[in-house]
């Protein structure tokens, strides 16, 4: 009897050991997710997302393009936001800036790294990734893989007929106006944002999560920022291209633009990229993408993203998408195809991610500014930190004179 009990215990211990080994990676991913935004961990995590979280490798171009560098610019010593004047250097320090770069006339004129970031270190994009996904949608349309953004998403992804995305136009999804309900109450354990956090933490299928969302209002009538809208666009890209987002991005953007460094995409348990915010890239490669949009998709005479697509992407074309306070939007910033348009934009537009990641583009001053951050103050005052950063970025671009027309991108 004793031998039998020992054998049973031995088998049980073996089973538990195998189970623990099998789930070790999930447990590490769960731990990293739980501590992701902790003050003492946030900088390291934003610079090292691939440590415990699975990613796919987006390999650098074999023919890298290096922009001219002439570090000659000084930032404004102070700037004003909501009637208060802020010291720029103190602002950079308080917001845990990790990288700051300014391009003017196709030349890098300011470039600084902080808090452990280096020119070769990748940094999480968060929702700046959405703007990259938008660019790839435009490319897929140009290449005839998507017939029209007026098509319902379920024409290409019939599995979504059982979700809130049934018959929703691709255009409405691009403009964060899908009508899909999304509860972003972090204090509610069962809110959509917290449910997605658990999917992310355990590597569960992002597609399965999208299937759980329901319709809340008529599509195309209200601008409600729902990150899963971009995940659905990622699913669309994967379906129509027959490739992963990583593969398609390398072929259509990373290689032809001569991106200098490897990047990574966070993936779920099915190998699907977290299209809504999982890109990790270097400061300079983010800046290059901004420069591409500054030049309306042209890169040394080669069309990367169609010009008309970029123009549509940064032009709010409905009352619910305009900058300013509105009953038709839950944001005071305007919105295009996964790009933001600030109030009093003067032609500017920007990509943005939580904890203050920005690619800010001002075509009529020929300027791109990129700021990467690990600003742990963000969650306590999200709207305040957003506004503060927009006003800072405006103060940087307003140092440069207005121009009538951009010159063609050219490097000696």
Protein backbone atom coordinates (compact mmCIF):
# COMPACT_ATOMS: atom_id res chain seq x y z
CA UNK A 1 0.00 0.00 0.00
CA UNK A 2 2.81 2.41 0.92
CA UNK A 3 4.58 1.74 -2.37
CA UNK A 4 1.35 2.41 -4.22
CA UNK A 5 0.86 5.72 -2.40
CA UNK A 6 4.46 6.74 -3.11
CA UNK A 7 3.99 5.92 -6.79
CA UNK A 8 0.83 8.02 -6.90
CA UNK A 9 2.61 10.89 -5.15
CA UNK A 10 5.53 10.55 -7.56
CA UNK A 11 3.23 10.73 -10.56
CA UNK A 12 1.41 13.73 -9.04
CA UNK A 13 4.68 15.56 -8.38
CA UNK A 14 5.80 14.83 -11.95
CA UNK A 15 2.53 16.14 -13.36
CA UNK A 16 2.77 19.31 -11.25
CA UNK A 17 6.39 19.81 -12.29
CA UNK A 18 5.51 19.47 -15.97
CA UNK A 19 2.55 21.83 -15.54
CA UNK A 20 4.73 24.38 -13.75
CA UNK A 21 7.36 24.17 -16.48
CA UNK A 22 4.71 24.48 -19.18
CA UNK A 23 3.19 27.56 -17.54
CA UNK A 24 6.48 29.18 -16.50
CA UNK A 25 6.56 31.51 -19.49
CA UNK A 26 2.95 32.46 -18.94
CA UNK A 27 3.65 33.17 -15.28
CA UNK A 28 6.63 35.37 -16.22
CA UNK A 29 4.48 37.22 -18.76
CA UNK A 30 1.74 37.64 -16.17
CA UNK A 31 4.20 39.01 -13.61
CA UNK A 32 5.66 41.46 -16.12
CA UNK A 33 2.18 42.65 -17.08
CA UNK A 34 1.13 43.16 -13.46
CA UNK A 35 4.24 45.24 -12.73
CA UNK A 36 4.46 46.85 -16.18
CA UNK A 37 3.64 50.40 -15.11
CA UNK A 38 5.09 50.35 -11.58
CA UNK A 39 7.22 53.41 -10.93
CA UNK A 40 10.34 51.35 -10.23
CA UNK A 41 9.86 49.09 -13.28
CA UNK A 42 8.27 51.21 -16.00
CA UNK A 43 11.44 52.53 -17.68
CA UNK A 44 13.11 49.13 -17.83
CA UNK A 45 9.93 47.46 -19.07
CA UNK A 46 9.33 49.97 -21.86
CA UNK A 47 12.89 49.36 -23.10
CA UNK A 48 12.84 45.57 -22.67
CA UNK A 49 9.39 44.34 -23.59
CA UNK A 50 10.75 41.22 -25.28
CA UNK A 51 12.32 39.90 -22.08
CA UNK A 52 9.31 37.88 -20.90
CA UNK A 53 6.68 38.75 -23.51
CA UNK A 54 6.77 36.84 -26.84
CA UNK A 55 7.53 38.96 -29.90
CA UNK A 56 8.12 38.50 -33.60
CA UNK A 57 11.29 39.95 -35.10
CA UNK A 58 11.03 42.71 -37.70
CA UNK A 59 14.50 42.64 -39.20
CA UNK A 60 16.31 45.82 -40.16
CA UNK A 61 16.86 46.71 -43.79
CA UNK A 62 19.93 45.30 -45.48
CA UNK A 63 20.40 48.75 -47.07
CA UNK A 64 19.85 51.23 -44.25
CA UNK A 65 19.14 54.87 -45.00
CA UNK A 66 20.85 57.27 -42.63
CA UNK A 67 19.49 60.78 -42.34
CA UNK A 68 21.91 63.72 -42.16
CA UNK A 69 22.75 64.78 -38.62
CA UNK A 70 23.57 68.33 -37.57
CA UNK A 71 22.97 68.66 -33.84
CA UNK A 72 22.57 72.41 -33.70
CA UNK A 73 19.14 73.04 -32.21
CA UNK A 74 18.17 74.13 -28.71
CA UNK A 75 14.73 73.48 -27.32
CA UNK A 76 12.69 76.39 -25.96
CA UNK A 77 13.70 77.03 -22.36
CA UNK A 78 10.06 77.10 -21.29
CA UNK A 79 6.55 76.67 -22.67
CA UNK A 80 3.01 77.50 -21.59
CA UNK A 81 0.10 75.14 -21.07
CA UNK A 82 -3.32 76.11 -19.68
CA UNK A 83 -1.94 79.43 -18.48
CA UNK A 84 1.00 77.92 -16.59
CA UNK A 85 4.63 78.25 -17.66
CA UNK A 86 6.79 75.13 -17.46
CA UNK A 87 10.56 74.82 -17.48
CA UNK A 88 11.39 72.55 -20.41
CA UNK A 89 14.26 70.68 -18.80
CA UNK A 90 12.26 70.00 -15.66
CA UNK A 91 9.35 68.83 -17.83
CA UNK A 92 11.65 66.40 -19.68
CA UNK A 93 12.92 65.02 -16.38
CA UNK A 94 9.53 64.83 -14.63
CA UNK A 95 7.87 63.00 -17.50
CA UNK A 96 10.63 60.37 -17.58
CA UNK A 97 11.54 61.15 -21.17
CA UNK A 98 13.56 58.34 -22.73
CA UNK A 99 14.19 59.81 -26.17
CA UNK A 100 13.65 63.14 -27.92
CA UNK A 101 14.45 63.87 -31.56
CA UNK A 102 13.73 66.76 -33.92
CA UNK A 103 13.98 66.64 -37.72
CA UNK A 104 13.98 69.89 -39.71
CA UNK A 105 14.45 70.00 -43.49
CA UNK A 106 15.15 66.24 -43.50
CA UNK A 107 18.07 66.64 -41.06
CA UNK A 108 18.26 65.46 -37.46
CA UNK A 109 19.01 68.67 -35.57
CA UNK A 110 18.27 67.49 -32.01
CA UNK A 111 18.68 63.98 -30.60
CA UNK A 112 18.99 63.02 -26.97
CA UNK A 113 18.61 59.79 -25.03
CA UNK A 114 17.70 59.50 -21.37
CA UNK A 115 17.10 56.88 -18.69
CA UNK A 116 18.98 54.07 -20.40
CA UNK A 117 17.63 54.36 -23.95
CA UNK A 118 20.32 54.21 -26.65
CA UNK A 119 20.21 54.70 -30.43
CA UNK A 120 20.04 50.89 -30.81
CA UNK A 121 17.46 50.23 -28.07
CA UNK A 122 13.87 49.53 -29.07
CA UNK A 123 11.08 51.23 -27.12
CA UNK A 124 7.42 50.24 -26.90
CA UNK A 125 5.20 52.34 -29.16
CA UNK A 126 1.90 51.65 -27.49
CA UNK A 127 -0.78 53.23 -29.66
CA UNK A 128 1.63 54.91 -32.06
CA UNK A 129 1.54 51.46 -33.67
CA UNK A 130 -1.99 52.25 -34.83
CA UNK A 131 -0.65 54.83 -37.27
CA UNK A 132 1.70 52.25 -38.79
CA UNK A 133 -1.25 49.86 -39.23
CA UNK A 134 -3.19 52.64 -40.96
CA UNK A 135 -0.33 53.12 -43.40
CA UNK A 136 -0.35 49.42 -44.23
CA UNK A 137 -4.11 49.50 -44.84
CA UNK A 138 -3.51 52.27 -47.39
CA UNK A 139 -0.83 50.20 -49.08
CA UNK A 140 -3.10 47.15 -49.21
CA UNK A 141 -5.83 49.25 -50.87
CA UNK A 142 -3.37 50.58 -53.43
CA UNK A 143 -2.28 47.02 -54.17
CA UNK A 144 -5.88 45.91 -54.76
CA UNK A 145 -6.09 43.64 -51.73
CA UNK A 146 -8.93 45.67 -50.18
CA UNK A 147 -11.56 46.92 -52.60
CA UNK A 148 -12.89 49.87 -50.62
CA UNK A 149 -12.99 51.28 -47.10
CA UNK A 150 -16.75 51.53 -47.63
CA UNK A 151 -16.86 47.74 -47.51
CA UNK A 152 -18.12 46.14 -44.31
CA UNK A 153 -15.32 44.47 -42.38
CA UNK A 154 -17.34 41.24 -42.42
CA UNK A 155 -16.88 41.03 -46.19
CA UNK A 156 -13.31 40.01 -45.40
CA UNK A 157 -13.69 38.68 -41.84
CA UNK A 158 -17.02 36.80 -41.77
CA UNK A 159 -16.25 35.44 -38.30
CA UNK A 160 -16.99 38.91 -36.91
CA UNK A 161 -20.68 38.62 -37.86
CA UNK A 162 -21.31 37.33 -34.36
CA UNK A 163 -19.71 40.42 -32.78
CA UNK A 164 -20.37 44.15 -32.57
CA UNK A 165 -18.37 44.56 -35.80
CA UNK A 166 -21.06 42.95 -37.96
CA UNK A 167 -21.55 45.04 -41.13
CA UNK A 168 -19.41 47.92 -39.78
CA UNK A 169 -17.57 49.79 -42.55
CA UNK A 170 -13.78 49.63 -42.61
CA UNK A 171 -13.78 53.43 -42.71
CA UNK A 172 -15.70 53.68 -39.45
CA UNK A 173 -13.22 51.31 -37.81
CA UNK A 174 -10.30 53.39 -39.12
CA UNK A 175 -11.89 56.49 -37.60
CA UNK A 176 -12.57 54.95 -34.17
CA UNK A 177 -16.28 55.27 -34.88
CA UNK A 178 -17.22 51.61 -35.07
CA UNK A 179 -20.09 51.94 -32.59
CA UNK A 180 -18.63 49.06 -30.60
CA UNK A 181 -19.04 49.47 -26.85
CA UNK A 182 -15.90 49.47 -24.73
CA UNK A 183 -15.72 50.03 -20.98
CA UNK A 184 -12.37 51.55 -20.00
CA UNK A 185 -13.04 51.72 -16.25
CA UNK A 186 -9.81 50.45 -14.71
CA UNK A 187 -11.53 50.17 -11.30
CA UNK A 188 -14.06 47.65 -12.65
CA UNK A 189 -12.53 44.17 -12.63
CA UNK A 190 -14.87 43.03 -15.42
CA UNK A 191 -14.46 46.13 -17.62
CA UNK A 192 -13.37 45.58 -21.21
CA UNK A 193 -9.98 47.18 -20.66
CA UNK A 194 -9.25 44.94 -17.70
CA UNK A 195 -10.49 41.87 -19.55
CA UNK A 196 -8.15 42.72 -22.40
CA UNK A 197 -5.34 43.17 -19.90
CA UNK A 198 -5.88 39.59 -18.76
CA UNK A 199 -5.90 38.35 -22.37
CA UNK A 200 -2.63 40.22 -22.94
CA UNK A 201 -1.08 38.94 -19.72
CA UNK A 202 -1.84 35.29 -20.49
CA UNK A 203 -1.08 35.46 -24.22
CA UNK A 204 -4.65 34.62 -25.15
CA UNK A 205 -6.04 35.27 -28.62
CA UNK A 206 -6.66 38.94 -29.41
CA UNK A 207 -9.13 37.82 -32.08
CA UNK A 208 -11.13 35.88 -29.51
CA UNK A 209 -11.32 39.03 -27.41
CA UNK A 210 -12.60 41.09 -30.37
CA UNK A 211 -15.36 38.54 -30.81
CA UNK A 212 -16.69 39.30 -27.30
CA UNK A 213 -17.43 42.99 -27.97
CA UNK A 214 -20.96 44.18 -28.71
CA UNK A 215 -22.49 47.11 -30.57
CA UNK A 216 -23.41 50.17 -28.46
CA UNK A 217 -24.42 52.86 -31.00
CA UNK A 218 -24.82 53.37 -34.77
CA UNK A 219 -21.44 53.20 -36.55
CA UNK A 220 -20.04 56.39 -38.03
CA UNK A 221 -21.85 58.71 -35.62
CA UNK A 222 -19.63 58.96 -32.53
CA UNK A 223 -15.85 59.05 -32.06
CA UNK A 224 -15.10 56.58 -29.28
CA UNK A 225 -11.50 55.45 -28.94
CA UNK A 226 -11.63 51.64 -28.91
CA UNK A 227 -8.19 50.10 -29.25
CA UNK A 228 -9.65 46.80 -30.43
CA UNK A 229 -10.79 48.60 -33.60
CA UNK A 230 -7.12 48.62 -34.63
CA UNK A 231 -6.74 44.96 -33.71
CA UNK A 232 -9.56 44.23 -36.15
CA UNK A 233 -7.69 46.21 -38.81
CA UNK A 234 -4.67 44.01 -38.08
CA UNK A 235 -6.84 40.93 -38.59
CA UNK A 236 -7.95 42.42 -41.91
CA UNK A 237 -4.34 42.94 -43.02
CA UNK A 238 -3.41 39.39 -42.15
CA UNK A 239 -6.40 38.00 -44.04
CA UNK A 240 -6.03 39.98 -47.28
CA UNK A 241 -2.23 39.81 -47.51
CA UNK A 242 -1.85 36.18 -46.44
CA UNK A 243 1.09 37.37 -44.32
CA UNK A 244 1.73 38.34 -40.75
CA UNK A 245 1.82 42.04 -39.97
CA UNK A 246 5.55 41.65 -39.32
CA UNK A 247 6.16 40.15 -42.77
CA UNK A 248 4.00 42.68 -44.58
CA UNK A 249 5.54 45.61 -42.73
CA UNK A 250 9.06 44.44 -43.55
CA UNK A 251 8.21 44.11 -47.23
CA UNK A 252 6.26 47.34 -47.63
CA UNK A 253 7.80 49.74 -45.09
CA UNK A 254 10.88 48.54 -43.23
CA UNK A 255 12.95 47.41 -46.23
CA UNK A 256 12.04 50.11 -48.78
CA UNK A 257 12.54 52.85 -46.18
CA UNK A 258 15.93 51.49 -45.13
CA UNK A 259 15.07 51.25 -41.46
CA UNK A 260 18.31 51.07 -39.50
CA UNK A 261 17.43 48.72 -36.66
CA UNK A 262 15.57 45.54 -35.83
CA UNK A 263 12.14 46.03 -34.31
CA UNK A 264 9.72 43.67 -32.57
CA UNK A 265 5.97 43.13 -32.47
CA UNK A 266 4.34 41.71 -29.34
CA UNK A 267 2.35 38.59 -30.28
CA UNK A 268 -0.38 36.54 -28.65
CA UNK A 269 -0.46 32.78 -28.19
CA UNK A 270 -1.55 32.32 -31.81
CA UNK A 271 1.37 34.37 -33.15
CA UNK A 272 -0.87 37.33 -34.01
CA UNK A 273 0.67 40.76 -33.53
CA UNK A 274 -0.81 43.18 -31.00
CA UNK A 275 -1.67 45.61 -33.78
CA UNK A 276 -3.25 48.07 -31.37
CA UNK A 277 0.04 48.92 -29.65
CA UNK A 278 2.69 46.22 -29.70
CA UNK A 279 5.41 47.66 -31.94
CA UNK A 280 8.88 48.17 -30.43
CA UNK A 281 11.29 50.27 -32.51
CA UNK A 282 14.14 52.75 -32.12
CA UNK A 283 13.81 56.51 -31.81
CA UNK A 284 15.28 57.17 -35.26
CA UNK A 285 13.08 54.63 -37.01
CA UNK A 286 9.96 56.16 -35.44
CA UNK A 287 11.22 59.54 -36.67
CA UNK A 288 11.72 58.22 -40.19
CA UNK A 289 8.11 57.11 -40.32
CA UNK A 290 7.09 60.61 -39.27
CA UNK A 291 9.27 62.05 -42.04
CA UNK A 292 7.59 59.74 -44.55
CA UNK A 293 4.21 61.21 -43.60
CA UNK A 294 5.62 64.73 -43.66
CA UNK A 295 6.45 64.09 -47.32
CA UNK A 296 3.03 62.55 -48.00
CA UNK A 297 4.33 59.02 -48.50
CA UNK A 298 7.29 59.82 -50.75
CA UNK A 299 10.70 58.40 -49.81
CA UNK A 300 13.47 59.56 -52.16
CA UNK A 301 11.13 59.41 -55.14
CA UNK A 302 9.54 56.09 -54.19
CA UNK A 303 5.93 55.98 -53.09
CA UNK A 304 5.72 53.99 -49.86
CA UNK A 305 2.24 55.02 -48.70
CA UNK A 306 -0.14 56.56 -51.26
CA UNK A 307 -0.31 60.36 -51.10
CA UNK A 308 -4.10 60.49 -51.27
CA UNK A 309 -4.32 57.96 -48.45
CA UNK A 310 -2.15 60.12 -46.20
CA UNK A 311 -4.20 63.21 -47.03
CA UNK A 312 -7.40 61.35 -46.10
CA UNK A 313 -5.74 59.92 -42.99
CA UNK A 314 -5.10 63.33 -41.43
CA UNK A 315 -8.33 65.07 -42.49
CA UNK A 316 -11.31 64.68 -40.15
CA UNK A 317 -14.28 64.42 -42.49
CA UNK A 318 -17.26 64.22 -40.15
CA UNK A 319 -18.72 66.31 -37.33
CA UNK A 320 -17.84 63.61 -34.78
CA UNK A 321 -14.17 63.71 -35.79
CA UNK A 322 -13.41 67.42 -35.49
CA UNK A 323 -11.02 68.84 -32.86
CA UNK A 324 -12.69 70.51 -29.89
CA UNK A 325 -15.24 69.62 -27.23
CA UNK A 326 -18.25 67.85 -28.73
CA UNK A 327 -21.18 65.68 -27.70
CA UNK A 328 -20.26 63.48 -30.66
CA UNK A 329 -16.81 62.47 -29.33
CA UNK A 330 -15.17 61.35 -26.12
CA UNK A 331 -12.01 63.30 -27.02
CA UNK A 332 -11.23 66.99 -27.51
CA UNK A 333 -8.69 66.11 -30.24
CA UNK A 334 -9.66 65.45 -33.85
CA UNK A 335 -9.25 62.05 -35.49
CA UNK A 336 -8.52 60.71 -38.96
CA UNK A 337 -7.45 57.23 -40.06
CA UNK A 338 -5.63 56.26 -36.84
CA UNK A 339 -3.96 59.69 -36.63
CA UNK A 340 -4.78 62.50 -34.19
CA UNK A 341 -5.35 66.14 -35.15
CA UNK A 342 -4.80 68.64 -32.32
CA UNK A 343 -6.93 71.68 -31.59
CA UNK A 344 -5.62 74.75 -33.44
CA UNK A 345 -3.63 72.29 -35.53
CA UNK A 346 -2.35 74.66 -38.23
CA UNK A 347 -1.88 71.56 -40.38
CA UNK A 348 -0.27 69.40 -37.67
CA UNK A 349 -1.14 65.79 -36.89
CA UNK A 350 0.37 63.16 -34.63
CA UNK A 351 0.62 59.54 -33.58
CA UNK A 352 0.18 58.97 -29.87
CA UNK A 353 0.60 56.22 -27.30
CA UNK A 354 -0.13 55.95 -23.59
CA UNK A 355 2.46 57.15 -21.13
CA UNK A 356 3.31 59.90 -23.65
CA UNK A 357 4.74 58.45 -26.83
CA UNK A 358 4.44 60.91 -29.73
CA UNK A 359 5.35 61.40 -33.37
CA UNK A 360 4.31 65.01 -34.01
CA UNK A 361 4.34 66.28 -37.60
CA UNK A 362 4.04 69.91 -38.72
CA UNK A 363 4.32 70.01 -42.55
CA UNK A 364 4.05 73.79 -42.94
CA UNK A 365 7.15 74.20 -40.78
CA UNK A 366 8.95 71.11 -42.19
CA UNK A 367 9.34 69.58 -38.73
CA UNK A 368 8.95 66.16 -37.11
CA UNK A 369 9.32 65.75 -33.34
CA UNK A 370 9.43 62.37 -31.61
CA UNK A 371 9.17 62.03 -27.83
CA UNK A 372 9.35 58.65 -26.09
CA UNK A 373 8.52 58.49 -22.40
CA UNK A 374 7.88 56.25 -19.42
CA UNK A 375 5.81 58.88 -17.63
CA UNK A 376 4.38 57.12 -14.59
CA UNK A 377 2.36 60.28 -13.79
CA UNK A 378 0.24 59.56 -16.87
CA UNK A 379 -2.34 57.26 -15.29
CA UNK A 380 -3.09 59.67 -12.42
CA UNK A 381 -3.88 62.54 -14.82
CA UNK A 382 -4.23 61.14 -18.32
CA UNK A 383 -5.93 64.15 -19.93
CA UNK A 384 -3.67 66.64 -18.18
CA UNK A 385 -0.49 64.86 -19.28
CA UNK A 386 -1.79 64.57 -22.85
CA UNK A 387 -2.54 68.28 -23.08
CA UNK A 388 0.77 69.19 -21.47
CA UNK A 389 2.68 67.14 -24.05
CA UNK A 390 0.76 68.57 -27.00
CA UNK A 391 1.54 72.09 -25.82
CA UNK A 392 5.21 71.16 -25.40
CA UNK A 393 5.36 69.70 -28.90
CA UNK A 394 3.66 72.78 -30.32
CA UNK A 395 6.25 74.98 -28.61
CA UNK A 396 9.03 73.03 -30.31
CA UNK A 397 7.61 73.20 -33.84
CA UNK A 398 6.66 76.87 -33.49
CA UNK A 399 10.36 77.72 -33.20
CA UNK A 400 10.61 77.17 -36.95
CA UNK A 401 9.32 79.54 -39.62
CA UNK A 402 6.39 78.63 -41.83
CA UNK A 403 7.08 77.62 -45.40
CA UNK A 404 4.93 77.69 -48.50
CA UNK A 405 5.86 74.30 -49.90
CA UNK A 406 7.97 71.32 -48.84
CA UNK A 407 10.99 70.49 -50.92
CA UNK A 408 11.36 66.91 -52.15
CA UNK A 409 13.15 64.71 -49.65
CA UNK A 410 16.81 64.67 -50.53
CA UNK A 411 19.98 63.52 -48.81
CA UNK A 412 23.43 64.44 -50.06
